[in-house]
Amino acid sequence: MNSELLLQRFNTIPEDLQLQVLDYIDFLINRYKIHDKENPQEELSPEIKELLDKRIADFEKNPHKVKPWQEIEDRLLKKHKYAL
């Protein structure tokens, strides 16, 4: 695709829509694991990897302790209803 044509069309849309287009491009890059050679994705730190491994192990040992997102969201909204 001609990048100059793409840039010309991109510049014709309002700035708030340009931001949405950029968000969508980022989504597509992450969704399809497209890596920019100039900006490689950062690796997780060993500490974060260890924490995630621990959480996965905890989940696998006690899957019944997991709460659905809707339940957590409802509880937080009820608790902080005046913060919105």
C-alpha atoms as a PDB file:
ATOM      1  CA  MET A   1       0.000   0.000   0.000  1.00  0.00           C
ATOM      2  CA  ASN A   2       1.146   3.502  -0.751  1.00  0.00           C
ATOM      3  CA  SER A   3       2.032   5.035   2.614  1.00  0.00           C
ATOM      4  CA  GLU A   4       1.884   8.573   1.247  1.00  0.00           C
ATOM      5  CA  LEU A   5      -1.740   8.089   0.145  1.00  0.00           C
ATOM      6  CA  LEU A   6      -2.553   6.583   3.514  1.00  0.00           C
ATOM      7  CA  LEU A   7      -0.969   9.531   5.318  1.00  0.00           C
ATOM      8  CA  GLN A   8      -2.844  12.039   3.137  1.00  0.00           C
ATOM      9  CA  ARG A   9      -6.174  10.411   3.949  1.00  0.00           C
ATOM     10  CA  PHE A  10      -5.274  10.075   7.614  1.00  0.00           C
ATOM     11  CA  ASN A  11      -4.565  13.811   7.791  1.00  0.00           C
ATOM     12  CA  THR A  12      -8.035  14.638   6.402  1.00  0.00           C
ATOM     13  CA  ILE A  13      -9.893  13.206   9.389  1.00  0.00           C
ATOM     14  CA  PRO A  14     -10.396  15.094  12.670  1.00  0.00           C
ATOM     15  CA  GLU A  15      -7.747  14.680  15.357  1.00  0.00           C
ATOM     16  CA  ASP A  16     -10.019  12.781  17.749  1.00  0.00           C
ATOM     17  CA  LEU A  17     -10.667  10.214  15.005  1.00  0.00           C
ATOM     18  CA  GLN A  18      -6.961  10.053  14.251  1.00  0.00           C
ATOM     19  CA  LEU A  19      -6.400   9.000  17.861  1.00  0.00           C
ATOM     20  CA  GLN A  20      -9.006   6.272  17.456  1.00  0.00           C
ATOM     21  CA  VAL A  21      -7.277   5.067  14.287  1.00  0.00           C
ATOM     22  CA  LEU A  22      -3.959   4.941  16.139  1.00  0.00           C
ATOM     23  CA  ASP A  23      -5.572   2.976  18.981  1.00  0.00           C
ATOM     24  CA  TYR A  24      -6.993   0.539  16.447  1.00  0.00           C
ATOM     25  CA  ILE A  25      -3.615   0.139  14.766  1.00  0.00           C
ATOM     26  CA  ASP A  26      -2.054  -0.617  18.172  1.00  0.00           C
ATOM     27  CA  PHE A  27      -4.823  -3.140  18.810  1.00  0.00           C
ATOM     28  CA  LEU A  28      -4.139  -4.883  15.490  1.00  0.00           C
ATOM     29  CA  ILE A  29      -0.402  -4.961  16.136  1.00  0.00           C
ATOM     30  CA  ASN A  30      -0.956  -6.557  19.551  1.00  0.00           C
ATOM     31  CA  ARG A  31      -3.741  -8.873  18.357  1.00  0.00           C
ATOM     32  CA  TYR A  32      -1.711 -10.315  15.511  1.00  0.00           C
ATOM     33  CA  LYS A  33       1.624 -10.111  17.305  1.00  0.00           C
ATOM     34  CA  ILE A  34       3.151  -7.826  14.707  1.00  0.00           C
ATOM     35  CA  HIS A  35       6.452  -6.519  16.000  1.00  0.00           C
ATOM     36  CA  ASP A  36       8.029  -3.280  14.981  1.00  0.00           C
ATOM     37  CA  LYS A  37      11.712  -3.928  14.290  1.00  0.00           C
ATOM     38  CA  GLU A  38      12.632  -0.395  15.428  1.00  0.00           C
ATOM     39  CA  ASN A  39      10.618  -0.689  18.684  1.00  0.00           C
ATOM     40  CA  PRO A  40      10.742  -4.278  19.872  1.00  0.00           C
ATOM     41  CA  GLN A  41       8.264  -5.226  22.572  1.00  0.00           C
ATOM     42  CA  GLU A  42       9.651  -5.225  26.067  1.00  0.00           C
ATOM     43  CA  GLU A  43      10.188  -8.496  27.849  1.00  0.00           C
ATOM     44  CA  LEU A  44       8.594  -9.025  31.224  1.00  0.00           C
ATOM     45  CA  SER A  45      10.955  -8.660  34.134  1.00  0.00           C
ATOM     46  CA  PRO A  46      11.881 -11.842  36.020  1.00  0.00           C
ATOM     47  CA  GLU A  47       9.943 -10.533  39.037  1.00  0.00           C
ATOM     48  CA  ILE A  48       6.752 -10.077  37.010  1.00  0.00           C
ATOM     49  CA  LYS A  49       7.166 -13.492  35.381  1.00  0.00           C
ATOM     50  CA  GLU A  50       7.578 -15.056  38.822  1.00  0.00           C
ATOM     51  CA  LEU A  51       4.476 -13.268  40.127  1.00  0.00           C
ATOM     52  CA  LEU A  52       2.403 -14.388  37.136  1.00  0.00           C
ATOM     53  CA  ASP A  53       3.632 -17.976  37.494  1.00  0.00           C
ATOM     54  CA  LYS A  54       2.638 -17.920  41.172  1.00  0.00           C
ATOM     55  CA  ARG A  55      -0.809 -16.584  40.366  1.00  0.00           C
ATOM     56  CA  ILE A  56      -1.350 -19.227  37.686  1.00  0.00           C
ATOM     57  CA  ALA A  57      -0.253 -21.949  40.129  1.00  0.00           C
ATOM     58  CA  ASP A  58      -2.623 -20.557  42.786  1.00  0.00           C
ATOM     59  CA  PHE A  59      -5.463 -20.563  40.306  1.00  0.00           C
ATOM     60  CA  GLU A  60      -4.746 -24.129  39.214  1.00  0.00           C
ATOM     61  CA  LYS A  61      -4.717 -25.310  42.854  1.00  0.00           C
ATOM     62  CA  ASN A  62      -7.886 -23.389  43.826  1.00  0.00           C
ATOM     63  CA  PRO A  63     -10.008 -22.648  40.744  1.00  0.00           C
ATOM     64  CA  HIS A  64     -13.116 -22.452  42.948  1.00  0.00           C
ATOM     65  CA  LYS A  65     -11.764 -19.298  44.624  1.00  0.00           C
ATOM     66  CA  VAL A  66     -11.975 -17.280  41.414  1.00  0.00           C
ATOM     67  CA  LYS A  67     -14.736 -14.680  41.292  1.00  0.00           C
ATOM     68  CA  PRO A  68     -16.399 -13.596  38.066  1.00  0.00           C
ATOM     69  CA  TRP A  69     -15.450 -10.159  36.834  1.00  0.00           C
ATOM     70  CA  GLN A  70     -19.076  -8.979  37.029  1.00  0.00           C
ATOM     71  CA  GLU A  71     -19.174  -9.763  40.752  1.00  0.00           C
ATOM     72  CA  ILE A  72     -15.970  -7.822  41.380  1.00  0.00           C
ATOM     73  CA  GLU A  73     -17.124  -4.884  39.287  1.00  0.00           C
ATOM     74  CA  ASP A  74     -20.503  -4.755  41.057  1.00  0.00           C
ATOM     75  CA  ARG A  75     -18.837  -4.808  44.470  1.00  0.00           C
ATOM     76  CA  LEU A  76     -16.402  -2.026  43.542  1.00  0.00           C
ATOM     77  CA  LEU A  77     -19.117   0.135  42.029  1.00  0.00           C
ATOM     78  CA  LYS A  78     -21.263  -0.308  45.113  1.00  0.00           C
ATOM     79  CA  LYS A  79     -18.348   0.469  47.426  1.00  0.00           C
ATOM     80  CA  HIS A  80     -17.233   3.538  45.480  1.00  0.00           C
ATOM     81  CA  LYS A  81     -20.565   4.713  44.078  1.00  0.00           C
ATOM     82  CA  TYR A  82     -19.888   8.313  45.018  1.00  0.00           C
ATOM     83  CA  ALA A  83     -16.449   8.354  43.389  1.00  0.00           C
ATOM     84  CA  LEU A  84     -17.859   8.226  39.870  1.00  0.00           C
END
